[in-house]
N, C-alpha and C. Protein backbone atom coordinates (compact mmCIF):
# COMPACT_ATOMS: atom_id res chain seq x y z
N MET A 1 -11.59 0.57 -85.41
CA MET A 1 -10.46 0.42 -84.49
C MET A 1 -10.38 -1.03 -84.03
N LYS A 2 -9.21 -1.62 -84.17
CA LYS A 2 -9.04 -3.02 -83.81
C LYS A 2 -8.99 -3.16 -82.29
N PRO A 3 -9.63 -4.19 -81.77
CA PRO A 3 -9.60 -4.40 -80.32
C PRO A 3 -8.20 -4.79 -79.87
N HIS A 4 -7.88 -4.36 -78.67
CA HIS A 4 -6.59 -4.73 -78.09
C HIS A 4 -6.73 -6.09 -77.38
N HIS A 5 -5.75 -6.92 -77.57
CA HIS A 5 -5.73 -8.21 -76.89
C HIS A 5 -4.60 -8.17 -75.85
N TRP A 6 -4.99 -8.42 -74.62
CA TRP A 6 -4.01 -8.42 -73.54
C TRP A 6 -3.67 -9.86 -73.18
N PHE A 7 -2.41 -10.11 -73.10
CA PHE A 7 -1.96 -11.46 -72.76
C PHE A 7 -1.14 -11.40 -71.48
N LEU A 8 -1.55 -12.22 -70.50
CA LEU A 8 -0.76 -12.36 -69.29
C LEU A 8 0.30 -13.44 -69.52
N PRO A 9 1.45 -13.30 -68.91
CA PRO A 9 2.48 -14.33 -69.08
C PRO A 9 2.00 -15.66 -68.50
N ASP A 10 2.57 -16.74 -69.03
CA ASP A 10 2.23 -18.06 -68.51
C ASP A 10 2.54 -18.13 -67.02
N THR A 11 1.71 -18.88 -66.30
CA THR A 11 1.93 -19.07 -64.87
C THR A 11 2.42 -20.49 -64.65
N PRO A 12 3.69 -20.66 -64.38
CA PRO A 12 4.22 -22.02 -64.16
C PRO A 12 3.57 -22.65 -62.93
N ASP A 13 3.46 -23.96 -62.96
CA ASP A 13 2.91 -24.70 -61.82
C ASP A 13 4.01 -24.88 -60.79
N VAL A 14 4.24 -23.84 -60.00
CA VAL A 14 5.36 -23.88 -59.06
C VAL A 14 5.14 -24.89 -57.94
N LEU A 15 3.90 -25.06 -57.49
CA LEU A 15 3.65 -26.09 -56.48
C LEU A 15 3.88 -27.49 -57.06
N GLY A 16 3.52 -27.66 -58.32
CA GLY A 16 3.79 -28.93 -58.98
C GLY A 16 5.28 -29.20 -59.08
N LEU A 17 6.04 -28.16 -59.39
CA LEU A 17 7.50 -28.31 -59.46
C LEU A 17 8.08 -28.61 -58.08
N LEU A 18 7.53 -27.98 -57.05
CA LEU A 18 8.02 -28.26 -55.69
C LEU A 18 7.71 -29.71 -55.31
N ARG A 19 6.51 -30.17 -55.65
CA ARG A 19 6.18 -31.56 -55.34
C ARG A 19 7.03 -32.54 -56.16
N ALA A 20 7.40 -32.14 -57.36
CA ALA A 20 8.30 -32.99 -58.16
C ALA A 20 9.65 -33.12 -57.46
N GLN A 21 10.13 -32.02 -56.88
CA GLN A 21 11.37 -32.07 -56.11
C GLN A 21 11.22 -32.97 -54.89
N VAL A 22 10.08 -32.86 -54.23
CA VAL A 22 9.83 -33.71 -53.06
C VAL A 22 9.78 -35.18 -53.46
N ALA A 23 9.17 -35.48 -54.61
CA ALA A 23 9.09 -36.86 -55.08
C ALA A 23 10.49 -37.45 -55.29
N ILE A 24 11.38 -36.65 -55.87
CA ILE A 24 12.76 -37.10 -56.05
C ILE A 24 13.43 -37.30 -54.69
N THR A 25 13.13 -36.39 -53.77
CA THR A 25 13.70 -36.49 -52.42
C THR A 25 13.24 -37.77 -51.75
N ILE A 26 11.98 -38.12 -51.90
CA ILE A 26 11.47 -39.37 -51.31
C ILE A 26 12.17 -40.57 -51.93
N GLU A 27 12.38 -40.53 -53.25
CA GLU A 27 13.14 -41.60 -53.90
C GLU A 27 14.51 -41.75 -53.26
N GLY A 28 15.18 -40.61 -53.08
CA GLY A 28 16.51 -40.63 -52.48
C GLY A 28 16.48 -41.14 -51.05
N LEU A 29 15.47 -40.73 -50.29
CA LEU A 29 15.38 -41.16 -48.90
C LEU A 29 15.04 -42.64 -48.79
N ASP A 30 14.27 -43.15 -49.73
CA ASP A 30 14.03 -44.59 -49.76
C ASP A 30 15.33 -45.35 -50.02
N ALA A 31 16.16 -44.79 -50.91
CA ALA A 31 17.47 -45.40 -51.16
C ALA A 31 18.35 -45.28 -49.92
N PHE A 32 18.27 -44.15 -49.24
CA PHE A 32 19.02 -43.95 -47.99
C PHE A 32 18.60 -45.00 -46.95
N ALA A 33 17.29 -45.22 -46.83
CA ALA A 33 16.79 -46.22 -45.88
C ALA A 33 17.26 -47.62 -46.27
N ALA A 34 17.27 -47.89 -47.58
CA ALA A 34 17.75 -49.20 -48.04
C ALA A 34 19.23 -49.37 -47.71
N TRP A 35 20.02 -48.32 -47.94
CA TRP A 35 21.45 -48.37 -47.57
C TRP A 35 21.61 -48.61 -46.07
N ALA A 36 20.85 -47.87 -45.29
CA ALA A 36 20.94 -48.01 -43.83
C ALA A 36 20.53 -49.40 -43.38
N GLY A 37 19.66 -50.05 -44.18
CA GLY A 37 19.24 -51.40 -43.86
C GLY A 37 20.20 -52.48 -44.34
N GLY A 38 21.29 -52.07 -44.98
CA GLY A 38 22.31 -53.03 -45.38
C GLY A 38 22.54 -53.17 -46.87
N ASP A 39 21.76 -52.48 -47.69
CA ASP A 39 21.92 -52.55 -49.14
C ASP A 39 22.93 -51.49 -49.59
N THR A 40 24.19 -51.84 -49.63
CA THR A 40 25.24 -50.87 -49.95
C THR A 40 25.09 -50.29 -51.35
N ALA A 41 24.53 -51.06 -52.28
CA ALA A 41 24.36 -50.59 -53.65
C ALA A 41 23.38 -49.43 -53.74
N ALA A 42 22.52 -49.29 -52.74
CA ALA A 42 21.52 -48.22 -52.76
C ALA A 42 22.17 -46.84 -52.64
N ALA A 43 23.42 -46.79 -52.22
CA ALA A 43 24.12 -45.50 -52.12
C ALA A 43 24.20 -44.82 -53.48
N GLU A 44 24.31 -45.58 -54.55
CA GLU A 44 24.37 -45.00 -55.89
C GLU A 44 23.04 -44.39 -56.28
N ALA A 45 21.95 -45.04 -55.90
CA ALA A 45 20.62 -44.49 -56.18
C ALA A 45 20.41 -43.19 -55.42
N LEU A 46 20.92 -43.13 -54.21
CA LEU A 46 20.83 -41.90 -53.43
C LEU A 46 21.63 -40.78 -54.10
N LYS A 47 22.81 -41.11 -54.58
CA LYS A 47 23.65 -40.12 -55.26
C LYS A 47 22.95 -39.59 -56.51
N ASP A 48 22.33 -40.48 -57.26
CA ASP A 48 21.61 -40.07 -58.47
C ASP A 48 20.43 -39.17 -58.12
N ALA A 49 19.70 -39.52 -57.05
CA ALA A 49 18.57 -38.71 -56.64
C ALA A 49 19.02 -37.32 -56.19
N GLU A 50 20.15 -37.27 -55.52
CA GLU A 50 20.65 -35.96 -55.08
C GLU A 50 20.92 -35.06 -56.29
N HIS A 51 21.51 -35.62 -57.34
CA HIS A 51 21.78 -34.84 -58.56
C HIS A 51 20.47 -34.37 -59.19
N ARG A 52 19.49 -35.27 -59.30
CA ARG A 52 18.21 -34.89 -59.90
C ARG A 52 17.47 -33.89 -59.02
N GLY A 53 17.65 -33.99 -57.72
CA GLY A 53 17.04 -33.02 -56.82
C GLY A 53 17.59 -31.62 -57.03
N ASP A 54 18.90 -31.54 -57.27
CA ASP A 54 19.52 -30.24 -57.56
C ASP A 54 18.92 -29.63 -58.83
N VAL A 55 18.72 -30.47 -59.84
CA VAL A 55 18.12 -30.00 -61.10
C VAL A 55 16.70 -29.51 -60.85
N ALA A 56 15.94 -30.26 -60.08
CA ALA A 56 14.56 -29.88 -59.78
C ALA A 56 14.51 -28.56 -59.02
N LYS A 57 15.44 -28.36 -58.12
CA LYS A 57 15.48 -27.10 -57.37
C LYS A 57 15.74 -25.94 -58.31
N ARG A 58 16.69 -26.11 -59.25
CA ARG A 58 16.99 -25.02 -60.20
C ARG A 58 15.79 -24.73 -61.09
N GLU A 59 15.07 -25.77 -61.49
CA GLU A 59 13.88 -25.56 -62.32
C GLU A 59 12.82 -24.75 -61.57
N LEU A 60 12.68 -25.01 -60.30
CA LEU A 60 11.73 -24.25 -59.50
C LEU A 60 12.15 -22.80 -59.39
N VAL A 61 13.43 -22.57 -59.15
CA VAL A 61 13.93 -21.20 -59.05
C VAL A 61 13.69 -20.46 -60.35
N ASP A 62 13.95 -21.11 -61.48
CA ASP A 62 13.71 -20.48 -62.79
C ASP A 62 12.23 -20.15 -62.96
N ALA A 63 11.36 -21.07 -62.52
CA ALA A 63 9.93 -20.84 -62.65
C ALA A 63 9.47 -19.68 -61.76
N LEU A 64 10.07 -19.56 -60.59
CA LEU A 64 9.71 -18.45 -59.70
C LEU A 64 10.09 -17.11 -60.33
N ARG A 65 11.19 -17.08 -61.05
CA ARG A 65 11.60 -15.84 -61.72
C ARG A 65 10.60 -15.47 -62.81
N ALA A 66 10.05 -16.49 -63.47
CA ALA A 66 9.18 -16.23 -64.62
C ALA A 66 7.72 -16.06 -64.23
N ALA A 67 7.36 -16.51 -63.05
CA ALA A 67 5.94 -16.53 -62.67
C ALA A 67 5.39 -15.12 -62.46
N PHE A 68 4.20 -14.88 -63.00
CA PHE A 68 3.52 -13.59 -62.81
C PHE A 68 2.84 -13.57 -61.45
N VAL A 69 2.19 -14.67 -61.11
CA VAL A 69 1.60 -14.84 -59.78
C VAL A 69 1.94 -16.24 -59.29
N THR A 70 1.98 -16.42 -57.98
CA THR A 70 2.24 -17.73 -57.39
C THR A 70 1.23 -17.99 -56.28
N PRO A 71 0.90 -19.28 -56.03
CA PRO A 71 -0.08 -19.59 -55.00
C PRO A 71 0.40 -19.28 -53.59
N LEU A 72 1.71 -19.27 -53.41
CA LEU A 72 2.34 -18.86 -52.16
C LEU A 72 3.35 -17.77 -52.48
N GLU A 73 3.78 -17.06 -51.46
CA GLU A 73 4.81 -16.05 -51.70
C GLU A 73 6.09 -16.74 -52.20
N PRO A 74 6.75 -16.16 -53.19
CA PRO A 74 7.98 -16.77 -53.71
C PRO A 74 9.00 -17.08 -52.63
N GLU A 75 9.08 -16.22 -51.61
CA GLU A 75 10.02 -16.46 -50.51
C GLU A 75 9.74 -17.79 -49.82
N ASP A 76 8.46 -18.10 -49.60
CA ASP A 76 8.10 -19.35 -48.94
C ASP A 76 8.41 -20.56 -49.83
N LEU A 77 8.10 -20.44 -51.10
CA LEU A 77 8.38 -21.54 -52.03
C LEU A 77 9.88 -21.81 -52.13
N PHE A 78 10.66 -20.72 -52.20
CA PHE A 78 12.11 -20.89 -52.28
C PHE A 78 12.64 -21.52 -51.00
N ALA A 79 12.14 -21.08 -49.85
CA ALA A 79 12.61 -21.61 -48.57
C ALA A 79 12.28 -23.09 -48.45
N LEU A 80 11.08 -23.48 -48.84
CA LEU A 80 10.71 -24.88 -48.79
C LEU A 80 11.62 -25.72 -49.69
N SER A 81 11.85 -25.24 -50.90
CA SER A 81 12.72 -25.96 -51.84
C SER A 81 14.14 -26.09 -51.28
N ARG A 82 14.63 -25.02 -50.70
CA ARG A 82 16.00 -25.03 -50.17
C ARG A 82 16.15 -26.04 -49.04
N ILE A 83 15.20 -26.06 -48.12
CA ILE A 83 15.31 -26.98 -46.99
C ILE A 83 15.15 -28.42 -47.44
N ILE A 84 14.22 -28.66 -48.36
CA ILE A 84 14.04 -30.01 -48.89
C ILE A 84 15.32 -30.50 -49.57
N ASP A 85 15.98 -29.60 -50.30
CA ASP A 85 17.26 -29.94 -50.93
C ASP A 85 18.29 -30.31 -49.88
N ARG A 86 18.29 -29.60 -48.77
CA ARG A 86 19.26 -29.89 -47.70
C ARG A 86 18.98 -31.25 -47.05
N ILE A 87 17.72 -31.64 -46.96
CA ILE A 87 17.40 -32.95 -46.40
C ILE A 87 18.05 -34.05 -47.23
N LEU A 88 17.92 -33.94 -48.55
CA LEU A 88 18.48 -34.97 -49.42
C LEU A 88 20.01 -34.94 -49.40
N SER A 89 20.59 -33.76 -49.49
CA SER A 89 22.05 -33.69 -49.49
C SER A 89 22.62 -34.14 -48.15
N SER A 90 21.92 -33.86 -47.06
CA SER A 90 22.39 -34.29 -45.73
C SER A 90 22.35 -35.81 -45.60
N SER A 91 21.37 -36.44 -46.22
CA SER A 91 21.31 -37.90 -46.22
C SER A 91 22.51 -38.48 -46.95
N ARG A 92 22.85 -37.87 -48.06
CA ARG A 92 24.04 -38.30 -48.81
C ARG A 92 25.30 -38.13 -47.96
N GLU A 93 25.33 -37.09 -47.14
CA GLU A 93 26.50 -36.85 -46.29
C GLU A 93 26.64 -37.92 -45.21
N VAL A 94 25.52 -38.49 -44.75
CA VAL A 94 25.60 -39.59 -43.79
C VAL A 94 26.34 -40.77 -44.41
N VAL A 95 26.00 -41.08 -45.64
CA VAL A 95 26.66 -42.18 -46.35
C VAL A 95 28.15 -41.88 -46.53
N ALA A 96 28.45 -40.64 -46.93
CA ALA A 96 29.85 -40.26 -47.12
C ALA A 96 30.62 -40.34 -45.81
N GLU A 97 29.99 -39.91 -44.72
CA GLU A 97 30.64 -39.96 -43.40
C GLU A 97 30.91 -41.41 -43.00
N ALA A 98 29.96 -42.28 -43.26
CA ALA A 98 30.15 -43.69 -42.94
C ALA A 98 31.32 -44.27 -43.72
N ASP A 99 31.45 -43.87 -44.98
CA ASP A 99 32.58 -44.34 -45.79
C ASP A 99 33.91 -43.86 -45.21
N VAL A 100 33.95 -42.60 -44.83
CA VAL A 100 35.18 -42.02 -44.28
C VAL A 100 35.56 -42.72 -42.98
N LEU A 101 34.57 -42.98 -42.15
CA LEU A 101 34.83 -43.60 -40.85
C LEU A 101 34.96 -45.12 -40.95
N ALA A 102 34.71 -45.65 -42.14
CA ALA A 102 34.80 -47.09 -42.37
C ALA A 102 33.90 -47.86 -41.40
N VAL A 103 32.67 -47.38 -41.28
CA VAL A 103 31.71 -48.02 -40.38
C VAL A 103 30.37 -48.14 -41.11
N GLY A 104 29.69 -49.24 -40.89
CA GLY A 104 28.39 -49.43 -41.51
C GLY A 104 27.28 -48.93 -40.60
N PRO A 105 26.10 -48.68 -41.15
CA PRO A 105 24.97 -48.24 -40.35
C PRO A 105 24.47 -49.37 -39.44
N ASP A 106 24.01 -49.01 -38.26
CA ASP A 106 23.47 -50.00 -37.35
C ASP A 106 21.94 -49.92 -37.33
N GLY A 107 21.33 -50.64 -36.41
CA GLY A 107 19.87 -50.68 -36.35
C GLY A 107 19.24 -49.32 -36.09
N GLU A 108 19.89 -48.51 -35.26
CA GLU A 108 19.35 -47.19 -34.96
C GLU A 108 19.40 -46.27 -36.18
N VAL A 109 20.48 -46.31 -36.91
CA VAL A 109 20.57 -45.50 -38.13
C VAL A 109 19.50 -45.96 -39.13
N ALA A 110 19.33 -47.27 -39.24
CA ALA A 110 18.31 -47.79 -40.15
C ALA A 110 16.92 -47.31 -39.75
N GLU A 111 16.64 -47.33 -38.45
CA GLU A 111 15.33 -46.89 -37.98
C GLU A 111 15.13 -45.39 -38.20
N MET A 112 16.17 -44.60 -37.95
CA MET A 112 16.07 -43.17 -38.17
C MET A 112 15.86 -42.86 -39.65
N ALA A 113 16.55 -43.60 -40.52
CA ALA A 113 16.39 -43.38 -41.96
C ALA A 113 14.96 -43.67 -42.39
N GLN A 114 14.37 -44.72 -41.86
CA GLN A 114 12.97 -45.03 -42.19
C GLN A 114 12.05 -43.92 -41.71
N LEU A 115 12.30 -43.38 -40.55
CA LEU A 115 11.46 -42.31 -40.01
C LEU A 115 11.59 -41.03 -40.83
N ILE A 116 12.80 -40.75 -41.30
CA ILE A 116 13.00 -39.56 -42.14
C ILE A 116 12.20 -39.69 -43.43
N SER A 117 12.25 -40.87 -44.05
CA SER A 117 11.49 -41.09 -45.27
C SER A 117 9.99 -40.94 -45.02
N ARG A 118 9.52 -41.47 -43.89
CA ARG A 118 8.10 -41.35 -43.55
C ARG A 118 7.71 -39.89 -43.32
N ALA A 119 8.57 -39.15 -42.64
CA ALA A 119 8.27 -37.75 -42.34
C ALA A 119 8.17 -36.92 -43.61
N VAL A 120 9.04 -37.18 -44.58
CA VAL A 120 9.01 -36.40 -45.82
C VAL A 120 7.78 -36.76 -46.65
N ARG A 121 7.25 -37.94 -46.51
CA ARG A 121 5.97 -38.26 -47.15
C ARG A 121 4.86 -37.40 -46.56
N TRP A 122 4.91 -37.14 -45.27
CA TRP A 122 3.94 -36.23 -44.67
C TRP A 122 4.14 -34.80 -45.18
N ILE A 123 5.41 -34.43 -45.38
CA ILE A 123 5.69 -33.11 -45.96
C ILE A 123 5.07 -33.00 -47.35
N ASP A 124 5.19 -34.05 -48.13
CA ASP A 124 4.59 -34.05 -49.46
C ASP A 124 3.08 -33.85 -49.38
N GLU A 125 2.44 -34.54 -48.45
CA GLU A 125 1.00 -34.38 -48.27
C GLU A 125 0.66 -32.95 -47.86
N ALA A 126 1.47 -32.38 -46.98
CA ALA A 126 1.22 -31.00 -46.54
C ALA A 126 1.32 -30.03 -47.70
N ILE A 127 2.35 -30.19 -48.53
CA ILE A 127 2.53 -29.29 -49.67
C ILE A 127 1.40 -29.46 -50.68
N ALA A 128 0.93 -30.71 -50.84
CA ALA A 128 -0.16 -30.97 -51.77
C ALA A 128 -1.43 -30.21 -51.38
N GLN A 129 -1.58 -29.94 -50.08
CA GLN A 129 -2.79 -29.27 -49.60
C GLN A 129 -2.64 -27.75 -49.51
N LEU A 130 -1.46 -27.23 -49.76
CA LEU A 130 -1.26 -25.79 -49.70
C LEU A 130 -2.14 -25.09 -50.73
N GLY A 131 -2.85 -24.08 -50.29
CA GLY A 131 -3.73 -23.35 -51.19
C GLY A 131 -5.05 -24.03 -51.45
N ALA A 132 -5.20 -25.26 -50.91
CA ALA A 132 -6.45 -26.00 -51.12
C ALA A 132 -7.17 -26.26 -49.81
N ASP A 133 -6.46 -26.82 -48.85
CA ASP A 133 -7.09 -27.18 -47.57
C ASP A 133 -6.08 -26.88 -46.46
N ALA A 134 -6.22 -25.73 -45.84
CA ALA A 134 -5.26 -25.29 -44.81
C ALA A 134 -5.22 -26.25 -43.63
N GLY A 135 -6.38 -26.78 -43.25
CA GLY A 135 -6.43 -27.69 -42.11
C GLY A 135 -5.65 -28.96 -42.37
N ARG A 136 -5.83 -29.54 -43.56
CA ARG A 136 -5.11 -30.77 -43.90
C ARG A 136 -3.63 -30.52 -44.09
N ALA A 137 -3.27 -29.36 -44.63
CA ALA A 137 -1.86 -29.02 -44.78
C ALA A 137 -1.18 -28.94 -43.41
N THR A 138 -1.84 -28.27 -42.47
CA THR A 138 -1.28 -28.13 -41.13
C THR A 138 -1.22 -29.48 -40.42
N ALA A 139 -2.27 -30.29 -40.58
CA ALA A 139 -2.30 -31.60 -39.93
C ALA A 139 -1.18 -32.49 -40.44
N ALA A 140 -0.94 -32.47 -41.75
CA ALA A 140 0.15 -33.28 -42.31
C ALA A 140 1.50 -32.79 -41.84
N ALA A 141 1.66 -31.46 -41.75
CA ALA A 141 2.92 -30.91 -41.24
C ALA A 141 3.12 -31.33 -39.79
N ASP A 142 2.05 -31.34 -39.01
CA ASP A 142 2.14 -31.79 -37.62
C ASP A 142 2.56 -33.26 -37.53
N GLU A 143 2.06 -34.07 -38.46
CA GLU A 143 2.45 -35.49 -38.48
C GLU A 143 3.94 -35.64 -38.78
N ALA A 144 4.45 -34.79 -39.66
CA ALA A 144 5.89 -34.83 -39.95
C ALA A 144 6.69 -34.49 -38.71
N ILE A 145 6.23 -33.50 -37.96
CA ILE A 145 6.92 -33.11 -36.72
C ILE A 145 6.84 -34.24 -35.70
N ALA A 146 5.68 -34.88 -35.60
CA ALA A 146 5.53 -36.00 -34.66
C ALA A 146 6.46 -37.15 -35.02
N THR A 147 6.64 -37.39 -36.31
CA THR A 147 7.54 -38.45 -36.77
C THR A 147 8.97 -38.12 -36.39
N GLU A 148 9.33 -36.83 -36.47
CA GLU A 148 10.68 -36.42 -36.07
C GLU A 148 10.87 -36.63 -34.57
N LYS A 149 9.82 -36.45 -33.79
CA LYS A 149 9.93 -36.69 -32.35
C LYS A 149 10.24 -38.16 -32.07
N ALA A 150 9.65 -39.04 -32.87
CA ALA A 150 9.96 -40.46 -32.75
C ALA A 150 11.43 -40.72 -33.10
N LEU A 151 11.93 -39.99 -34.10
CA LEU A 151 13.34 -40.09 -34.46
C LEU A 151 14.23 -39.69 -33.28
N ASP A 152 13.84 -38.65 -32.57
CA ASP A 152 14.60 -38.21 -31.40
C ASP A 152 14.74 -39.34 -30.38
N GLN A 153 13.67 -40.08 -30.19
CA GLN A 153 13.72 -41.17 -29.21
C GLN A 153 14.71 -42.25 -29.63
N VAL A 154 14.74 -42.54 -30.93
CA VAL A 154 15.71 -43.52 -31.44
C VAL A 154 17.13 -42.98 -31.24
N TYR A 155 17.31 -41.70 -31.52
CA TYR A 155 18.62 -41.06 -31.36
C TYR A 155 19.11 -41.19 -29.92
N TYR A 156 18.27 -40.84 -28.96
CA TYR A 156 18.68 -40.91 -27.55
C TYR A 156 18.96 -42.34 -27.12
N ARG A 157 18.13 -43.27 -27.60
CA ARG A 157 18.35 -44.68 -27.27
C ARG A 157 19.69 -45.17 -27.81
N GLY A 158 19.99 -44.78 -29.06
CA GLY A 158 21.25 -45.18 -29.65
C GLY A 158 22.45 -44.56 -28.96
N MET A 159 22.34 -43.28 -28.62
CA MET A 159 23.44 -42.61 -27.93
C MET A 159 23.71 -43.26 -26.57
N ALA A 160 22.66 -43.65 -25.87
CA ALA A 160 22.83 -44.31 -24.58
C ALA A 160 23.52 -45.66 -24.75
N ALA A 161 23.13 -46.39 -25.80
CA ALA A 161 23.73 -47.70 -26.04
C ALA A 161 25.21 -47.59 -26.38
N LEU A 162 25.60 -46.49 -27.01
CA LEU A 162 27.01 -46.32 -27.38
C LEU A 162 27.92 -46.24 -26.16
N LEU A 163 27.36 -45.88 -25.02
CA LEU A 163 28.17 -45.81 -23.81
C LEU A 163 28.72 -47.17 -23.43
N ASP A 164 28.05 -48.22 -23.89
CA ASP A 164 28.49 -49.58 -23.56
C ASP A 164 29.42 -50.16 -24.61
N ALA A 165 29.69 -49.40 -25.68
CA ALA A 165 30.58 -49.90 -26.73
C ALA A 165 32.00 -50.06 -26.20
N ASP A 166 32.62 -51.17 -26.55
CA ASP A 166 33.97 -51.45 -26.03
C ASP A 166 35.03 -50.56 -26.67
N GLU A 167 34.90 -50.32 -27.96
CA GLU A 167 35.94 -49.58 -28.68
C GLU A 167 35.58 -48.10 -28.75
N ARG A 168 36.57 -47.26 -28.46
CA ARG A 168 36.37 -45.82 -28.52
C ARG A 168 36.02 -45.38 -29.94
N SER A 169 36.68 -45.98 -30.93
CA SER A 169 36.44 -45.61 -32.33
C SER A 169 34.99 -45.90 -32.73
N ALA A 170 34.44 -47.00 -32.21
CA ALA A 170 33.05 -47.35 -32.51
C ALA A 170 32.11 -46.33 -31.90
N ARG A 171 32.42 -45.86 -30.70
CA ARG A 171 31.58 -44.85 -30.06
C ARG A 171 31.60 -43.54 -30.85
N ILE A 172 32.78 -43.14 -31.29
CA ILE A 172 32.92 -41.88 -32.04
C ILE A 172 32.19 -41.97 -33.37
N ALA A 173 32.40 -43.08 -34.09
CA ALA A 173 31.76 -43.24 -35.40
C ALA A 173 30.24 -43.28 -35.27
N GLY A 174 29.76 -44.05 -34.30
CA GLY A 174 28.33 -44.14 -34.10
C GLY A 174 27.71 -42.81 -33.74
N ARG A 175 28.41 -42.07 -32.87
CA ARG A 175 27.90 -40.77 -32.45
C ARG A 175 27.79 -39.82 -33.63
N GLU A 176 28.76 -39.84 -34.53
CA GLU A 176 28.73 -38.94 -35.68
C GLU A 176 27.56 -39.26 -36.61
N LEU A 177 27.32 -40.55 -36.87
CA LEU A 177 26.21 -40.92 -37.74
C LEU A 177 24.87 -40.56 -37.10
N TYR A 178 24.75 -40.81 -35.80
CA TYR A 178 23.51 -40.47 -35.12
C TYR A 178 23.25 -38.96 -35.18
N ARG A 179 24.29 -38.19 -34.94
CA ARG A 179 24.11 -36.73 -34.94
C ARG A 179 23.71 -36.22 -36.31
N ARG A 180 24.29 -36.79 -37.35
CA ARG A 180 23.92 -36.36 -38.70
C ARG A 180 22.46 -36.70 -38.99
N CYS A 181 22.02 -37.88 -38.56
CA CYS A 181 20.61 -38.24 -38.77
C CYS A 181 19.70 -37.32 -37.96
N ALA A 182 20.11 -36.98 -36.74
CA ALA A 182 19.31 -36.08 -35.92
C ALA A 182 19.20 -34.70 -36.57
N ARG A 183 20.26 -34.25 -37.21
CA ARG A 183 20.21 -32.94 -37.88
C ARG A 183 19.24 -32.98 -39.07
N ILE A 184 19.16 -34.12 -39.74
CA ILE A 184 18.17 -34.24 -40.83
C ILE A 184 16.77 -34.12 -40.23
N GLY A 185 16.57 -34.72 -39.06
CA GLY A 185 15.29 -34.57 -38.38
C GLY A 185 14.97 -33.11 -38.09
N ASP A 186 15.98 -32.35 -37.71
CA ASP A 186 15.78 -30.92 -37.46
C ASP A 186 15.32 -30.20 -38.74
N LEU A 187 15.88 -30.61 -39.87
CA LEU A 187 15.48 -30.01 -41.15
C LEU A 187 14.03 -30.35 -41.48
N VAL A 188 13.62 -31.57 -41.15
CA VAL A 188 12.22 -31.96 -41.36
C VAL A 188 11.30 -31.03 -40.59
N VAL A 189 11.65 -30.77 -39.33
CA VAL A 189 10.84 -29.86 -38.51
C VAL A 189 10.84 -28.46 -39.12
N GLU A 190 11.99 -28.03 -39.61
CA GLU A 190 12.10 -26.70 -40.20
C GLU A 190 11.17 -26.55 -41.40
N VAL A 191 11.14 -27.53 -42.27
CA VAL A 191 10.29 -27.42 -43.46
C VAL A 191 8.81 -27.55 -43.07
N ALA A 192 8.50 -28.40 -42.09
CA ALA A 192 7.11 -28.54 -41.65
C ALA A 192 6.61 -27.23 -41.04
N GLU A 193 7.45 -26.60 -40.24
CA GLU A 193 7.06 -25.32 -39.64
C GLU A 193 6.94 -24.22 -40.69
N ARG A 194 7.72 -24.32 -41.76
CA ARG A 194 7.60 -23.35 -42.84
C ARG A 194 6.27 -23.52 -43.56
N VAL A 195 5.84 -24.76 -43.71
CA VAL A 195 4.52 -25.01 -44.30
C VAL A 195 3.44 -24.37 -43.43
N ILE A 196 3.52 -24.59 -42.14
CA ILE A 196 2.53 -24.03 -41.22
C ILE A 196 2.54 -22.50 -41.29
N TYR A 197 3.74 -21.93 -41.37
CA TYR A 197 3.87 -20.47 -41.47
C TYR A 197 3.22 -19.96 -42.75
N ALA A 198 3.41 -20.69 -43.86
CA ALA A 198 2.80 -20.29 -45.12
C ALA A 198 1.29 -20.34 -45.03
N VAL A 199 0.76 -21.35 -44.33
CA VAL A 199 -0.69 -21.46 -44.15
C VAL A 199 -1.20 -20.27 -43.34
N VAL A 200 -0.48 -19.92 -42.28
CA VAL A 200 -0.89 -18.80 -41.44
C VAL A 200 -0.94 -17.51 -42.24
N LYS A 201 0.04 -17.31 -43.10
CA LYS A 201 0.08 -16.07 -43.90
C LYS A 201 -1.07 -16.02 -44.91
N GLN A 202 -1.53 -17.19 -45.34
CA GLN A 202 -2.63 -17.22 -46.30
C GLN A 202 -3.98 -16.95 -45.65
N SER A 203 -4.07 -17.20 -44.35
CA SER A 203 -5.36 -17.11 -43.67
C SER A 203 -5.74 -15.68 -43.33
């Protein structure tokens, strides 16, 4: 009697795919920060990163469908990917809003963009530690949240300064850009807290 050979389906590296999406997001956010710092040509790099980020998200979703087992629950992986995608697309929307309002980014927008990029680097570190070191994953997620708190301070400082703007149109345009950046900060907190939640479920 011939022995039976059992084969398990391939297990895609879903965490690796998620980190690949985050890497593209960081590229895009670096371009966003460059645009906010005055490099208008960087808007095209951000647009390209957004497109590649969408592709990376779809690849992760396909891998989740095919995976026999995953290091985290598929729901958590999908949620992390979705929020990370929103961070990048929301950054692109800031640029689009600035174009519509015919206003360039100021110092506060530039500072917030830098903080967003820094926070997502902490998110990358947190995801890298998922399934390996719960303490380091949580600590990195906490650093991302702390970075967003710094963004809040820039937001409030900028909003206060807008009260002294002479032109009403400048106040409106500035307020819209600040609010969009603040919402990106909220997304950073959302993904960081999702990482922490995933760690708690694993423990």
